Amino acid sequence: MSYYPTMQNPFMMPALQQVMPQIPVQQDQEIQFVNGKTGAEAFQMLPNKKAWLMDSNLPRFYIKQTDANGQASVKAYDFKEAEEEKPVEYVTKAEFEEYKAKVKGGRHESNNADANRKQ
């Protein structure tokens, strides 16, 4: 066994390597826990970054953003349980026309009855 580095032949083709797809890691979107708004304001960040900060004590989260100069802004949002969406019911055209006829008929009859009373 030789302990000297071997010279590679420049005319030989390199061995094919199996290429594994790399999964990108989103480190910018990690959620950190803080103690209240003061903890969110004290959270250190690099310029041009955004962070989601969860309040450890309340059902609240903060979004902290820094600009190119490192100036930070913090916005607070409260969690609210989502309500189930209720299906919206619509009236068909035929149902609307039937209702419209009833309303017109009712007004027309009541207008005639009022007119007859006045006479």
N, C-alpha and C. Protein backbone atom coordinates (compact mmCIF):
# COMPACT_ATOMS: atom_id res chain seq x y z
N MET A 1 0.85 -1.17 0.00
CA MET A 1 0.00 0.00 0.00
C MET A 1 0.89 1.23 0.00
N SER A 2 0.56 2.17 -0.89
CA SER A 2 1.38 3.35 -1.05
C SER A 2 0.76 4.51 -0.25
N TYR A 3 1.64 5.27 0.39
CA TYR A 3 1.17 6.42 1.17
C TYR A 3 1.30 7.73 0.39
N TYR A 4 1.77 7.62 -0.84
CA TYR A 4 1.91 8.80 -1.67
C TYR A 4 0.64 9.01 -2.48
N PRO A 5 0.26 10.27 -2.68
CA PRO A 5 -0.94 10.50 -3.48
C PRO A 5 -0.71 10.00 -4.90
N THR A 6 -1.72 9.40 -5.44
CA THR A 6 -1.59 8.88 -6.79
C THR A 6 -1.96 9.95 -7.78
N MET A 7 -1.31 9.92 -8.89
CA MET A 7 -1.60 10.86 -9.97
C MET A 7 -2.71 10.28 -10.81
N GLN A 8 -3.68 11.08 -11.13
CA GLN A 8 -4.76 10.61 -11.98
C GLN A 8 -4.39 10.85 -13.43
N ASN A 9 -4.76 9.93 -14.26
CA ASN A 9 -4.51 10.08 -15.68
C ASN A 9 -5.53 11.06 -16.23
N PRO A 10 -5.10 12.19 -16.82
CA PRO A 10 -6.05 13.18 -17.32
C PRO A 10 -6.87 12.68 -18.49
N PHE A 11 -6.44 11.60 -19.14
CA PHE A 11 -7.16 11.09 -20.29
C PHE A 11 -8.22 10.06 -19.90
N MET A 12 -8.24 9.66 -18.64
CA MET A 12 -9.24 8.69 -18.20
C MET A 12 -10.54 9.42 -17.85
N MET A 13 -11.66 8.78 -18.11
CA MET A 13 -12.96 9.37 -17.78
C MET A 13 -13.20 9.19 -16.28
N PRO A 14 -13.69 10.20 -15.62
CA PRO A 14 -13.96 10.04 -14.18
C PRO A 14 -15.09 9.03 -13.97
N ALA A 15 -15.04 8.37 -12.88
CA ALA A 15 -16.07 7.39 -12.55
C ALA A 15 -17.40 8.11 -12.33
N LEU A 16 -18.45 7.48 -12.79
CA LEU A 16 -19.78 8.08 -12.61
C LEU A 16 -20.16 8.02 -11.15
N GLN A 17 -20.63 9.11 -10.65
CA GLN A 17 -21.07 9.18 -9.27
C GLN A 17 -22.58 9.22 -9.24
N GLN A 18 -23.13 8.54 -8.29
CA GLN A 18 -24.58 8.57 -8.13
C GLN A 18 -24.97 9.93 -7.57
N VAL A 19 -25.81 10.63 -8.28
CA VAL A 19 -26.23 11.97 -7.87
C VAL A 19 -27.48 11.83 -7.01
N MET A 20 -27.39 12.31 -5.78
CA MET A 20 -28.52 12.27 -4.86
C MET A 20 -29.16 13.66 -4.83
N PRO A 21 -30.48 13.73 -4.99
CA PRO A 21 -31.12 15.05 -4.89
C PRO A 21 -30.98 15.59 -3.48
N GLN A 22 -30.66 16.86 -3.40
CA GLN A 22 -30.52 17.49 -2.09
C GLN A 22 -31.81 18.19 -1.72
N ILE A 23 -32.25 17.97 -0.51
CA ILE A 23 -33.46 18.61 -0.02
C ILE A 23 -33.06 19.93 0.62
N PRO A 24 -33.62 21.05 0.12
CA PRO A 24 -33.24 22.34 0.71
C PRO A 24 -33.76 22.45 2.14
N VAL A 25 -32.95 23.04 2.98
CA VAL A 25 -33.32 23.25 4.38
C VAL A 25 -33.73 24.70 4.54
N GLN A 26 -34.92 24.93 5.05
CA GLN A 26 -35.39 26.29 5.26
C GLN A 26 -35.05 26.73 6.66
N GLN A 27 -33.94 27.35 6.81
CA GLN A 27 -33.54 27.81 8.13
C GLN A 27 -34.14 29.17 8.45
N ASP A 28 -34.52 29.92 7.42
CA ASP A 28 -35.08 31.25 7.66
C ASP A 28 -36.49 31.17 8.24
N GLN A 29 -37.17 30.07 8.10
CA GLN A 29 -38.55 29.97 8.54
C GLN A 29 -38.72 29.19 9.84
N GLU A 30 -37.66 29.00 10.57
CA GLU A 30 -37.78 28.31 11.85
C GLU A 30 -38.59 29.17 12.81
N ILE A 31 -39.41 28.52 13.62
CA ILE A 31 -40.23 29.24 14.59
C ILE A 31 -39.51 29.22 15.93
N GLN A 32 -39.34 30.40 16.49
CA GLN A 32 -38.68 30.55 17.79
C GLN A 32 -39.73 30.94 18.83
N PHE A 33 -39.50 30.57 20.07
CA PHE A 33 -40.40 30.93 21.16
C PHE A 33 -39.79 32.08 21.95
N VAL A 34 -40.64 33.06 22.29
CA VAL A 34 -40.20 34.24 23.04
C VAL A 34 -41.19 34.49 24.18
N ASN A 35 -40.78 35.32 25.13
CA ASN A 35 -41.65 35.70 26.24
C ASN A 35 -42.21 37.10 25.99
N GLY A 36 -43.39 37.14 25.39
CA GLY A 36 -44.07 38.40 25.17
C GLY A 36 -43.44 39.26 24.08
N LYS A 37 -44.02 40.46 23.93
CA LYS A 37 -43.54 41.38 22.90
C LYS A 37 -42.13 41.86 23.18
N THR A 38 -41.78 42.01 24.46
CA THR A 38 -40.42 42.46 24.78
C THR A 38 -39.41 41.40 24.33
N GLY A 39 -39.76 40.13 24.48
CA GLY A 39 -38.88 39.06 24.00
C GLY A 39 -38.76 39.08 22.49
N ALA A 40 -39.86 39.39 21.79
CA ALA A 40 -39.83 39.48 20.33
C ALA A 40 -38.96 40.65 19.88
N GLU A 41 -39.10 41.78 20.58
CA GLU A 41 -38.30 42.95 20.22
C GLU A 41 -36.82 42.72 20.50
N ALA A 42 -36.50 41.95 21.53
CA ALA A 42 -35.11 41.70 21.88
C ALA A 42 -34.47 40.60 21.03
N PHE A 43 -35.27 39.85 20.29
CA PHE A 43 -34.76 38.75 19.47
C PHE A 43 -33.82 39.31 18.41
N GLN A 44 -32.59 38.80 18.37
CA GLN A 44 -31.56 39.31 17.45
C GLN A 44 -31.70 38.67 16.07
N MET A 45 -31.61 39.52 15.04
CA MET A 45 -31.72 39.05 13.66
C MET A 45 -30.75 39.79 12.76
N LEU A 46 -30.37 39.14 11.67
CA LEU A 46 -29.53 39.77 10.65
C LEU A 46 -30.40 40.69 9.79
N PRO A 47 -29.78 41.63 9.07
CA PRO A 47 -30.54 42.50 8.16
C PRO A 47 -31.24 41.70 7.06
N ASN A 48 -32.34 42.23 6.56
CA ASN A 48 -33.13 41.63 5.47
C ASN A 48 -33.63 40.23 5.80
N LYS A 49 -34.10 40.03 7.01
CA LYS A 49 -34.63 38.73 7.42
C LYS A 49 -36.03 38.90 8.00
N LYS A 50 -36.75 37.77 8.06
CA LYS A 50 -38.09 37.73 8.64
C LYS A 50 -38.14 36.51 9.54
N ALA A 51 -38.79 36.65 10.71
CA ALA A 51 -38.88 35.53 11.65
C ALA A 51 -40.28 35.46 12.23
N TRP A 52 -40.75 34.21 12.44
CA TRP A 52 -42.00 33.94 13.14
C TRP A 52 -41.64 33.63 14.57
N LEU A 53 -42.19 34.38 15.49
CA LEU A 53 -41.87 34.21 16.90
C LEU A 53 -43.16 33.87 17.66
N MET A 54 -43.16 32.75 18.32
CA MET A 54 -44.33 32.30 19.08
C MET A 54 -44.20 32.77 20.52
N ASP A 55 -45.31 33.28 21.05
CA ASP A 55 -45.33 33.70 22.45
C ASP A 55 -45.48 32.45 23.32
N SER A 56 -44.62 32.33 24.30
CA SER A 56 -44.65 31.16 25.18
C SER A 56 -45.81 31.20 26.17
N ASN A 57 -46.37 32.38 26.41
CA ASN A 57 -47.38 32.53 27.46
C ASN A 57 -48.80 32.76 26.95
N LEU A 58 -48.95 33.24 25.74
CA LEU A 58 -50.27 33.60 25.20
C LEU A 58 -50.49 32.93 23.85
N PRO A 59 -51.75 32.81 23.42
CA PRO A 59 -51.99 32.30 22.07
C PRO A 59 -51.77 33.42 21.05
N ARG A 60 -50.51 33.82 20.92
CA ARG A 60 -50.14 34.96 20.09
C ARG A 60 -48.83 34.64 19.38
N PHE A 61 -48.66 35.24 18.21
CA PHE A 61 -47.37 35.12 17.53
C PHE A 61 -46.98 36.48 16.98
N TYR A 62 -45.70 36.61 16.71
CA TYR A 62 -45.14 37.87 16.23
C TYR A 62 -44.40 37.60 14.93
N ILE A 63 -44.45 38.57 14.04
CA ILE A 63 -43.63 38.52 12.84
C ILE A 63 -42.67 39.69 12.94
N LYS A 64 -41.39 39.35 13.01
CA LYS A 64 -40.36 40.38 13.11
C LYS A 64 -39.60 40.41 11.80
N GLN A 65 -39.44 41.63 11.28
CA GLN A 65 -38.77 41.82 10.01
C GLN A 65 -37.68 42.87 10.17
N THR A 66 -36.56 42.65 9.50
CA THR A 66 -35.50 43.66 9.51
C THR A 66 -35.26 44.13 8.08
N ASP A 67 -34.93 45.42 7.96
CA ASP A 67 -34.62 45.97 6.63
C ASP A 67 -33.12 45.87 6.38
N ALA A 68 -32.66 46.46 5.29
CA ALA A 68 -31.25 46.38 4.91
C ALA A 68 -30.33 47.01 5.95
N ASN A 69 -30.82 47.98 6.71
CA ASN A 69 -30.02 48.64 7.74
C ASN A 69 -30.09 47.92 9.08
N GLY A 70 -30.89 46.88 9.18
CA GLY A 70 -31.03 46.15 10.44
C GLY A 70 -32.12 46.70 11.33
N GLN A 71 -32.87 47.70 10.86
CA GLN A 71 -33.98 48.25 11.64
C GLN A 71 -35.12 47.23 11.65
N ALA A 72 -35.62 46.93 12.84
CA ALA A 72 -36.63 45.88 12.98
C ALA A 72 -38.01 46.45 13.23
N SER A 73 -39.00 45.72 12.77
CA SER A 73 -40.40 46.01 13.08
C SER A 73 -41.04 44.71 13.55
N VAL A 74 -41.91 44.83 14.56
CA VAL A 74 -42.58 43.66 15.13
C VAL A 74 -44.08 43.88 15.05
N LYS A 75 -44.80 42.88 14.50
CA LYS A 75 -46.26 42.92 14.46
C LYS A 75 -46.78 41.72 15.24
N ALA A 76 -47.81 41.96 16.06
CA ALA A 76 -48.39 40.89 16.89
C ALA A 76 -49.72 40.46 16.30
N TYR A 77 -49.97 39.14 16.35
CA TYR A 77 -51.23 38.56 15.87
C TYR A 77 -51.72 37.56 16.90
N ASP A 78 -53.02 37.56 17.15
CA ASP A 78 -53.63 36.60 18.07
C ASP A 78 -54.16 35.41 17.29
N PHE A 79 -54.02 34.23 17.88
CA PHE A 79 -54.61 33.03 17.30
C PHE A 79 -56.09 33.03 17.59
N LYS A 80 -56.87 32.61 16.63
CA LYS A 80 -58.31 32.48 16.81
C LYS A 80 -58.71 31.17 16.16
N GLU A 81 -59.49 30.36 16.88
CA GLU A 81 -59.91 29.08 16.33
C GLU A 81 -60.75 29.32 15.08
N ALA A 82 -60.42 28.60 14.04
CA ALA A 82 -61.14 28.75 12.77
C ALA A 82 -62.53 28.15 12.89
N GLU A 83 -63.49 28.87 12.38
CA GLU A 83 -64.87 28.38 12.37
C GLU A 83 -65.08 27.58 11.09
N GLU A 84 -65.91 26.55 11.21
CA GLU A 84 -66.22 25.77 10.02
C GLU A 84 -67.03 26.62 9.07
N GLU A 85 -66.66 26.51 7.80
CA GLU A 85 -67.40 27.27 6.80
C GLU A 85 -68.73 26.60 6.54
N LYS A 86 -69.77 27.39 6.62
CA LYS A 86 -71.12 26.86 6.35
C LYS A 86 -71.40 27.02 4.86
N PRO A 87 -72.02 26.02 4.28
CA PRO A 87 -72.32 26.14 2.84
C PRO A 87 -73.31 27.27 2.60
N VAL A 88 -73.09 27.99 1.53
CA VAL A 88 -73.96 29.09 1.16
C VAL A 88 -75.10 28.51 0.34
N GLU A 89 -76.31 28.86 0.70
CA GLU A 89 -77.47 28.38 -0.04
C GLU A 89 -77.95 29.47 -0.98
N TYR A 90 -78.20 29.05 -2.21
CA TYR A 90 -78.66 29.99 -3.22
C TYR A 90 -80.08 29.63 -3.63
N VAL A 91 -80.81 30.62 -4.08
CA VAL A 91 -82.16 30.42 -4.58
C VAL A 91 -82.07 30.20 -6.08
N THR A 92 -82.81 29.21 -6.57
CA THR A 92 -82.83 29.00 -8.01
C THR A 92 -83.65 30.10 -8.66
N LYS A 93 -83.49 30.24 -9.97
CA LYS A 93 -84.23 31.27 -10.68
C LYS A 93 -85.73 31.00 -10.61
N ALA A 94 -86.10 29.73 -10.70
CA ALA A 94 -87.53 29.39 -10.63
C ALA A 94 -88.10 29.75 -9.25
N GLU A 95 -87.34 29.46 -8.18
CA GLU A 95 -87.80 29.80 -6.84
C GLU A 95 -87.91 31.32 -6.68
N PHE A 96 -86.96 32.05 -7.25
CA PHE A 96 -87.00 33.51 -7.17
C PHE A 96 -88.21 34.07 -7.90
N GLU A 97 -88.48 33.55 -9.10
CA GLU A 97 -89.63 34.03 -9.88
C GLU A 97 -90.93 33.74 -9.13
N GLU A 98 -91.02 32.56 -8.50
CA GLU A 98 -92.21 32.21 -7.72
C GLU A 98 -92.38 33.17 -6.54
N TYR A 99 -91.27 33.46 -5.84
CA TYR A 99 -91.31 34.39 -4.70
C TYR A 99 -91.70 35.79 -5.19
N LYS A 100 -91.12 36.20 -6.31
CA LYS A 100 -91.40 37.53 -6.85
C LYS A 100 -92.88 37.66 -7.22
N ALA A 101 -93.45 36.60 -7.77
CA ALA A 101 -94.87 36.63 -8.13
C ALA A 101 -95.73 36.74 -6.88
N LYS A 102 -95.34 36.02 -5.83
CA LYS A 102 -96.10 36.09 -4.57
C LYS A 102 -96.04 37.50 -3.99
N VAL A 103 -94.86 38.09 -4.01
CA VAL A 103 -94.70 39.44 -3.45
C VAL A 103 -95.49 40.44 -4.27
N LYS A 104 -95.36 40.36 -5.58
CA LYS A 104 -96.11 41.29 -6.43
C LYS A 104 -97.61 41.08 -6.25
N GLY A 105 -98.01 39.82 -6.19
CA GLY A 105 -99.44 39.52 -5.99
C GLY A 105 -99.91 40.04 -4.65
N GLY A 106 -99.13 39.88 -3.61
CA GLY A 106 -99.51 40.35 -2.27
C GLY A 106 -99.59 41.86 -2.22
N ARG A 107 -98.67 42.54 -2.83
CA ARG A 107 -98.70 44.01 -2.84
C ARG A 107 -99.87 44.51 -3.68
N HIS A 108 -100.04 43.86 -4.79
CA HIS A 108 -101.11 44.30 -5.69
C HIS A 108 -102.47 44.14 -5.01
N GLU A 109 -102.65 43.00 -4.35
CA GLU A 109 -103.92 42.77 -3.66
C GLU A 109 -104.08 43.74 -2.49
N SER A 110 -102.98 43.96 -1.73
CA SER A 110 -103.10 44.88 -0.59
C SER A 110 -103.30 46.30 -1.07
N ASN A 111 -102.69 46.67 -2.19
CA ASN A 111 -102.91 48.01 -2.74
C ASN A 111 -104.36 48.18 -3.19
N ASN A 112 -104.91 47.13 -3.80
CA ASN A 112 -106.33 47.20 -4.23
C ASN A 112 -107.25 47.27 -3.00
N ALA A 113 -106.90 46.50 -1.96
CA ALA A 113 -107.73 46.52 -0.75
C ALA A 113 -107.67 47.90 -0.12
N ASP A 114 -106.50 48.52 -0.08
CA ASP A 114 -106.36 49.89 0.47
C ASP A 114 -107.17 50.88 -0.36
N ALA A 115 -107.12 50.70 -1.66
CA ALA A 115 -107.84 51.62 -2.55
C ALA A 115 -109.34 51.47 -2.35
N ASN A 116 -109.80 50.20 -2.16
CA ASN A 116 -111.22 49.97 -1.95
C ASN A 116 -111.67 50.55 -0.62
N ARG A 117 -110.82 50.51 0.42
CA ARG A 117 -111.19 51.05 1.72
C ARG A 117 -111.34 52.58 1.66
N LYS A 118 -110.49 53.22 0.87
CA LYS A 118 -110.51 54.68 0.80
C LYS A 118 -111.76 55.17 0.09
N GLN A 119 -112.28 54.36 -0.78
CA GLN A 119 -113.45 54.83 -1.55
C GLN A 119 -114.69 54.77 -0.76
